[in-house]
Protein backbone atom coordinates (compact mmCIF):
# COMPACT_ATOMS: atom_id res chain seq x y z
CA MET A 1 153.08 108.44 -80.29
CA THR A 2 155.30 106.80 -77.61
CA SER A 3 154.96 103.77 -75.89
CA GLN A 4 154.07 106.03 -73.17
CA ASP A 5 151.32 108.19 -74.96
CA PHE A 6 150.46 104.33 -76.12
CA MET A 7 149.95 103.33 -72.13
CA TRP A 8 148.01 106.21 -71.37
CA LEU A 9 145.58 105.64 -74.29
CA ALA A 10 145.79 101.43 -73.51
CA ILE A 11 144.87 102.90 -69.69
CA GLY A 12 142.17 104.79 -70.44
CA VAL A 13 140.19 102.63 -73.00
CA GLY A 14 140.71 99.80 -70.13
CA CYS A 15 139.02 102.13 -67.65
CA LEU A 16 136.09 103.17 -70.34
CA ILE A 17 135.49 99.29 -71.25
CA VAL A 18 135.65 98.62 -67.69
CA ALA A 19 133.06 102.03 -66.88
CA VAL A 20 130.97 100.30 -69.83
CA GLY A 21 130.68 97.25 -68.29
CA ILE A 22 129.92 98.38 -64.66
CA GLY A 23 127.15 100.69 -66.18
CA PHE A 24 125.54 97.85 -68.06
CA VAL A 25 125.70 95.76 -65.21
CA CYS A 26 124.29 98.41 -63.22
CA ILE A 27 121.07 98.92 -65.60
CA ARG A 28 120.53 95.06 -65.69
CA LEU A 29 120.81 95.20 -61.95
CA GLY A 30 118.28 98.03 -62.46
CA GLN A 31 115.79 96.10 -64.43
CA LEU A 32 116.12 93.16 -62.04
CA LEU A 33 115.10 95.01 -59.05
CA THR A 34 112.41 96.90 -60.90
CA GLY A 35 110.86 93.30 -61.65
CA ALA A 36 111.25 92.27 -58.23
CA ASP A 37 109.65 94.86 -57.18
CA ASN A 38 106.76 94.57 -59.28
CA ALA A 39 106.28 90.61 -57.95
CA LEU A 40 106.15 91.88 -54.52
CA ASP A 41 104.00 94.37 -55.45
CA LYS A 42 101.75 91.50 -56.85
CA VAL A 43 102.16 89.40 -53.93
CA GLU A 44 100.89 92.08 -51.40
CA ARG A 45 97.95 92.56 -53.41
CA GLN A 46 97.49 88.90 -53.18
CA LEU A 47 97.85 88.45 -49.59
CA ASP A 48 96.05 92.07 -48.93
CA SER A 49 92.70 90.14 -50.64
CA LEU A 50 93.46 87.45 -48.32
CA ARG A 51 93.61 89.28 -45.04
CA THR A 52 90.08 89.74 -44.59
CA PRO A 53 89.15 85.76 -45.04
CA VAL A 54 91.88 84.64 -42.72
CA THR A 55 91.16 87.42 -40.11
CA GLU A 56 87.51 86.08 -40.10
CA THR A 57 88.53 82.13 -40.18
CA VAL A 58 90.85 82.90 -37.08
CA SER A 59 87.81 84.25 -35.46
CA HIS A 60 85.89 81.91 -36.28
CA VAL A 61 88.07 79.60 -35.13
CA GLY A 62 88.82 81.47 -31.89
CA GLY A 63 84.85 81.55 -31.12
CA ILE A 64 84.74 77.44 -31.85
CA ALA A 65 87.52 76.76 -29.44
CA ALA A 66 85.82 79.39 -26.90
CA ASN A 67 82.26 77.31 -27.74
CA VAL A 68 84.54 74.19 -27.12
CA ASP A 69 85.90 75.81 -23.70
CA ALA A 70 82.19 76.57 -22.32
CA MET A 71 81.91 72.99 -23.47
CA VAL A 72 84.16 71.33 -21.61
CA GLY A 73 83.57 72.95 -18.70
CA ARG A 74 79.71 71.84 -19.27
CA VAL A 75 80.75 68.55 -19.24
CA ASN A 76 83.20 68.57 -16.71
CA ARG A 77 79.97 70.16 -14.00
CA MET A 78 78.01 67.35 -15.79
CA THR A 79 80.72 64.38 -14.75
CA GLU A 80 80.94 65.79 -11.04
CA VAL A 81 77.52 66.09 -10.46
CA ALA A 82 77.20 61.94 -11.66
CA GLU A 83 79.71 61.20 -10.26
CA LYS A 84 77.78 62.58 -6.49
CA THR A 85 74.91 60.94 -7.16
CA ALA A 86 76.60 57.26 -8.24
CA GLY A 87 78.33 58.07 -4.79
CA SER A 88 75.14 58.50 -3.18
CA ILE A 89 72.52 55.81 -4.99
CA ALA A 90 75.58 53.50 -3.69
CA LYS A 91 75.59 55.09 -0.03
CA ARG A 92 72.26 54.17 -0.46
CA ALA A 93 72.02 51.25 -1.90
CA ASP A 94 73.95 50.25 1.08
CA ALA A 95 72.05 50.85 3.72
CA ALA A 96 69.27 49.04 2.21
CA GLN A 97 71.07 46.30 1.77
CA ALA A 98 72.32 46.71 5.41
CA LYS A 99 68.24 47.66 6.12
CA ILE A 100 67.48 44.64 4.17
CA SER A 101 69.92 41.74 4.44
CA PRO A 102 68.24 40.30 8.44
CA ALA A 103 64.84 40.49 7.42
CA MET A 104 65.28 38.36 4.41
CA ALA A 105 67.74 36.09 5.92
CA SER A 106 64.83 36.06 8.33
CA VAL A 107 62.24 35.43 5.45
CA VAL A 108 64.80 32.77 4.43
CA GLY A 109 64.54 31.09 7.50
CA VAL A 110 61.03 31.21 7.94
CA LEU A 111 60.57 29.80 4.20
CA ALA A 112 63.00 26.59 5.21
CA GLY A 113 61.05 25.63 8.39
CA VAL A 114 57.72 25.83 6.01
CA ALA A 115 59.68 23.42 3.37
CA GLU A 116 60.96 21.29 6.26
CA GLY A 117 56.91 21.01 7.66
CA ALA A 118 55.24 20.15 4.26
CA LYS A 119 58.18 17.77 3.56
CA THR A 120 57.25 15.99 7.02
CA PHE A 121 53.33 16.55 6.86
CA PHE A 122 53.74 14.68 3.54
CA ARG A 123 56.00 12.29 3.90
CA GLY A 124 53.56 10.64 6.90
CA ASP A 125 55.09 8.74 9.99
CA ASN A 126 56.63 6.10 8.00
CA GLY A 127 58.63 7.95 5.39
CA SER A 128 56.59 6.97 2.69
CA THR A 129 54.52 10.43 0.48
CA ARG A 130 51.12 10.28 0.67
CA GLN A 131 48.53 11.05 -1.85
């Protein structure tokens, strides 16, 4: 066996060792990917079992949001009505005060005159109080 034959034999054995190593790596990679595929299948089954409750929850939340929107609309309308009513009451109170104030001034004037007359009557002519 010549050195050239030995070289070709060494290259062949080296390539065979590399091929066996690559084959081993491919087998292990296949096992790893099979395990990952199984894990992903389990996760998919779990997610499928959660789909219905999550969908129902989302639809309930949507219904609640719609009810809240309707209630906010009602509250806004009630607020507008309350504001209009308060404005109307304020206008009527101002009008009533404008009508009653002159009459009250007249009544106060009459009462002041009666009080002054009573003071004069009960003091008498000399300023002393009658009994």
